[in-house]
Amino acid sequence: MIHIEGIKDNMIANNLTPYISTHPGEVIKDELEARGITQRQLADVTGISYSVVNEVLNGKRPVTIEYALLIGKALDIDPVPLVNLQSDYDMQMAHRNKKLTARLNSMRKIAAIL
């Protein structure tokens, strides 16, 4: 988190969390559409089953490192941003989980005790 004296941390652009989280499957889906590639073609080239490709592209399944590598190779794109986007998406979803948030808020900070 970036902190600048005199400015609220939540007003700094780099500290903002998007209202709508972007699943990396959406990005891949857009890339396929732009290139005129079908989900079935991607599945065939990568060896990932069609149903898994469809679930990834529709945000129902995460983009694992393996999927990112396979899809990245097939589309000639860097797989690292896909993995990072998945990590960001997972973190945003975790922060929106009310049960987890309540648990986090109830925890004492061990660093403050030491």
C-alpha atoms as a PDB file:
ATOM      1  CA  MET A   1       0.000   0.000   0.000  1.00  0.00           C
ATOM      2  CA  ILE A   2       1.247   3.440  -0.915  1.00  0.00           C
ATOM      3  CA  HIS A   3       1.077   6.137   1.767  1.00  0.00           C
ATOM      4  CA  ILE A   4       1.470   9.849   1.082  1.00  0.00           C
ATOM      5  CA  GLU A   5       1.391  12.291   3.965  1.00  0.00           C
ATOM      6  CA  GLY A   6      -1.800  14.377   3.983  1.00  0.00           C
ATOM      7  CA  ILE A   7      -3.702  12.191   1.499  1.00  0.00           C
ATOM      8  CA  LYS A   8      -6.106   9.436   2.540  1.00  0.00           C
ATOM      9  CA  ASP A   9      -4.686   6.061   1.523  1.00  0.00           C
ATOM     10  CA  ASN A  10      -7.986   5.056  -0.128  1.00  0.00           C
ATOM     11  CA  MET A  11      -7.774   8.095  -2.421  1.00  0.00           C
ATOM     12  CA  ILE A  12      -4.501   7.024  -4.052  1.00  0.00           C
ATOM     13  CA  ALA A  13      -5.086   5.338  -7.430  1.00  0.00           C
ATOM     14  CA  ASN A  14      -2.605   2.509  -6.792  1.00  0.00           C
ATOM     15  CA  ASN A  15      -4.481   1.586  -3.606  1.00  0.00           C
ATOM     16  CA  LEU A  16      -7.920   1.326  -5.214  1.00  0.00           C
ATOM     17  CA  THR A  17      -9.662  -2.010  -5.567  1.00  0.00           C
ATOM     18  CA  PRO A  18     -11.853  -2.374  -8.660  1.00  0.00           C
ATOM     19  CA  TYR A  19     -15.577  -2.543  -7.965  1.00  0.00           C
ATOM     20  CA  ILE A  20     -15.919  -5.383 -10.449  1.00  0.00           C
ATOM     21  CA  SER A  21     -13.180  -7.988 -10.334  1.00  0.00           C
ATOM     22  CA  THR A  22     -11.817  -9.245 -13.631  1.00  0.00           C
ATOM     23  CA  HIS A  23     -11.334 -12.975 -13.923  1.00  0.00           C
ATOM     24  CA  PRO A  24      -8.440 -13.819 -16.281  1.00  0.00           C
ATOM     25  CA  GLY A  25     -10.812 -16.036 -18.247  1.00  0.00           C
ATOM     26  CA  GLU A  26     -12.552 -12.883 -19.456  1.00  0.00           C
ATOM     27  CA  VAL A  27      -9.259 -11.570 -20.823  1.00  0.00           C
ATOM     28  CA  ILE A  28      -8.535 -14.862 -22.591  1.00  0.00           C
ATOM     29  CA  LYS A  29     -12.072 -14.964 -23.965  1.00  0.00           C
ATOM     30  CA  ASP A  30     -11.666 -11.441 -25.381  1.00  0.00           C
ATOM     31  CA  GLU A  31      -8.336 -12.452 -26.914  1.00  0.00           C
ATOM     32  CA  LEU A  32      -9.905 -15.480 -28.599  1.00  0.00           C
ATOM     33  CA  GLU A  33     -12.760 -13.389 -29.983  1.00  0.00           C
ATOM     34  CA  ALA A  34     -10.351 -10.757 -31.316  1.00  0.00           C
ATOM     35  CA  ARG A  35      -8.354 -13.455 -33.100  1.00  0.00           C
ATOM     36  CA  GLY A  36     -11.327 -15.453 -34.350  1.00  0.00           C
ATOM     37  CA  ILE A  37     -10.295 -18.558 -32.393  1.00  0.00           C
ATOM     38  CA  THR A  38     -12.959 -20.832 -30.929  1.00  0.00           C
ATOM     39  CA  GLN A  39     -12.899 -22.362 -27.487  1.00  0.00           C
ATOM     40  CA  ARG A  40     -12.843 -25.777 -29.143  1.00  0.00           C
ATOM     41  CA  GLN A  41      -9.716 -24.822 -31.142  1.00  0.00           C
ATOM     42  CA  LEU A  42      -7.989 -23.613 -27.962  1.00  0.00           C
ATOM     43  CA  ALA A  43      -8.939 -26.837 -26.206  1.00  0.00           C
ATOM     44  CA  ASP A  44      -7.590 -28.952 -29.072  1.00  0.00           C
ATOM     45  CA  VAL A  45      -4.273 -27.088 -29.284  1.00  0.00           C
ATOM     46  CA  THR A  46      -3.627 -26.994 -25.528  1.00  0.00           C
ATOM     47  CA  GLY A  47      -4.901 -30.465 -24.682  1.00  0.00           C
ATOM     48  CA  ILE A  48      -7.195 -28.958 -22.042  1.00  0.00           C
ATOM     49  CA  SER A  49     -10.684 -30.439 -22.232  1.00  0.00           C
ATOM     50  CA  TYR A  50     -13.304 -28.238 -23.855  1.00  0.00           C
ATOM     51  CA  SER A  51     -15.438 -28.204 -20.702  1.00  0.00           C
ATOM     52  CA  VAL A  52     -12.486 -26.968 -18.612  1.00  0.00           C
ATOM     53  CA  VAL A  53     -11.622 -24.283 -21.181  1.00  0.00           C
ATOM     54  CA  ASN A  54     -15.256 -23.149 -21.164  1.00  0.00           C
ATOM     55  CA  GLU A  55     -15.353 -23.018 -17.352  1.00  0.00           C
ATOM     56  CA  VAL A  56     -12.095 -21.030 -17.240  1.00  0.00           C
ATOM     57  CA  LEU A  57     -13.312 -18.551 -19.844  1.00  0.00           C
ATOM     58  CA  ASN A  58     -16.591 -18.090 -17.990  1.00  0.00           C
ATOM     59  CA  GLY A  59     -14.900 -17.514 -14.640  1.00  0.00           C
ATOM     60  CA  LYS A  60     -16.107 -20.756 -13.074  1.00  0.00           C
ATOM     61  CA  ARG A  61     -12.622 -22.256 -12.760  1.00  0.00           C
ATOM     62  CA  PRO A  62      -9.304 -20.572 -11.945  1.00  0.00           C
ATOM     63  CA  VAL A  63      -6.482 -20.083 -14.402  1.00  0.00           C
ATOM     64  CA  THR A  64      -3.822 -22.312 -12.877  1.00  0.00           C
ATOM     65  CA  ILE A  65      -0.151 -21.918 -13.650  1.00  0.00           C
ATOM     66  CA  GLU A  66      -0.385 -24.958 -15.933  1.00  0.00           C
ATOM     67  CA  TYR A  67      -3.347 -23.504 -17.843  1.00  0.00           C
ATOM     68  CA  ALA A  68      -1.625 -20.115 -18.082  1.00  0.00           C
ATOM     69  CA  LEU A  69       1.492 -21.753 -19.546  1.00  0.00           C
ATOM     70  CA  LEU A  70      -0.484 -23.826 -22.058  1.00  0.00           C
ATOM     71  CA  ILE A  71      -2.768 -20.992 -23.116  1.00  0.00           C
ATOM     72  CA  GLY A  72       0.124 -18.543 -23.190  1.00  0.00           C
ATOM     73  CA  LYS A  73       2.077 -20.820 -25.514  1.00  0.00           C
ATOM     74  CA  ALA A  74      -0.928 -21.429 -27.776  1.00  0.00           C
ATOM     75  CA  LEU A  75      -1.715 -17.706 -28.092  1.00  0.00           C
ATOM     76  CA  ASP A  76       1.889 -16.489 -27.946  1.00  0.00           C
ATOM     77  CA  ILE A  77       1.206 -14.338 -24.890  1.00  0.00           C
ATOM     78  CA  ASP A  78       3.058 -13.977 -21.587  1.00  0.00           C
ATOM     79  CA  PRO A  79       1.428 -16.299 -19.019  1.00  0.00           C
ATOM     80  CA  VAL A  80       2.644 -14.293 -15.997  1.00  0.00           C
ATOM     81  CA  PRO A  81      -0.020 -11.549 -16.260  1.00  0.00           C
ATOM     82  CA  LEU A  82      -2.702 -14.246 -16.396  1.00  0.00           C
ATOM     83  CA  VAL A  83      -1.405 -15.809 -13.186  1.00  0.00           C
ATOM     84  CA  ASN A  84      -1.109 -12.389 -11.536  1.00  0.00           C
ATOM     85  CA  LEU A  85      -4.626 -11.468 -12.598  1.00  0.00           C
ATOM     86  CA  GLN A  86      -5.908 -14.732 -11.119  1.00  0.00           C
ATOM     87  CA  SER A  87      -4.097 -13.990  -7.862  1.00  0.00           C
ATOM     88  CA  ASP A  88      -5.562 -10.470  -7.740  1.00  0.00           C
ATOM     89  CA  TYR A  89      -9.019 -11.857  -8.508  1.00  0.00           C
ATOM     90  CA  ASP A  90      -8.723 -14.471  -5.752  1.00  0.00           C
ATOM     91  CA  MET A  91      -7.578 -11.827  -3.244  1.00  0.00           C
ATOM     92  CA  GLN A  92     -10.491  -9.539  -4.137  1.00  0.00           C
ATOM     93  CA  MET A  93     -12.957 -12.398  -3.791  1.00  0.00           C
ATOM     94  CA  ALA A  94     -11.461 -13.319  -0.417  1.00  0.00           C
ATOM     95  CA  HIS A  95     -11.825  -9.741   0.821  1.00  0.00           C
ATOM     96  CA  ARG A  96     -15.487  -9.804  -0.212  1.00  0.00           C
ATOM     97  CA  ASN A  97     -16.085 -12.967   1.809  1.00  0.00           C
ATOM     98  CA  LYS A  98     -17.931 -11.660   4.888  1.00  0.00           C
ATOM     99  CA  LYS A  99     -17.105 -14.696   7.025  1.00  0.00           C
ATOM    100  CA  LEU A 100     -13.381 -14.433   6.285  1.00  0.00           C
ATOM    101  CA  THR A 101     -13.423 -10.647   6.750  1.00  0.00           C
ATOM    102  CA  ALA A 102     -15.068 -11.045  10.172  1.00  0.00           C
ATOM    103  CA  ARG A 103     -12.464 -13.634  11.123  1.00  0.00           C
ATOM    104  CA  LEU A 104      -9.628 -11.355   9.999  1.00  0.00           C
ATOM    105  CA  ASN A 105     -11.097  -8.402  11.890  1.00  0.00           C
ATOM    106  CA  SER A 106     -11.397 -10.437  15.078  1.00  0.00           C
ATOM    107  CA  MET A 107      -7.765 -11.578  15.031  1.00  0.00           C
ATOM    108  CA  ARG A 108      -5.254  -9.922  17.297  1.00  0.00           C
ATOM    109  CA  LYS A 109      -2.128  -8.738  15.635  1.00  0.00           C
ATOM    110  CA  ILE A 110       0.742 -10.848  16.912  1.00  0.00           C
ATOM    111  CA  ALA A 111       3.301  -8.305  15.730  1.00  0.00           C
ATOM    112  CA  ALA A 112       1.810  -5.746  18.132  1.00  0.00           C
ATOM    113  CA  ILE A 113       2.286  -8.170  21.032  1.00  0.00           C
ATOM    114  CA  LEU A 114       5.967  -8.723  20.381  1.00  0.00           C
END
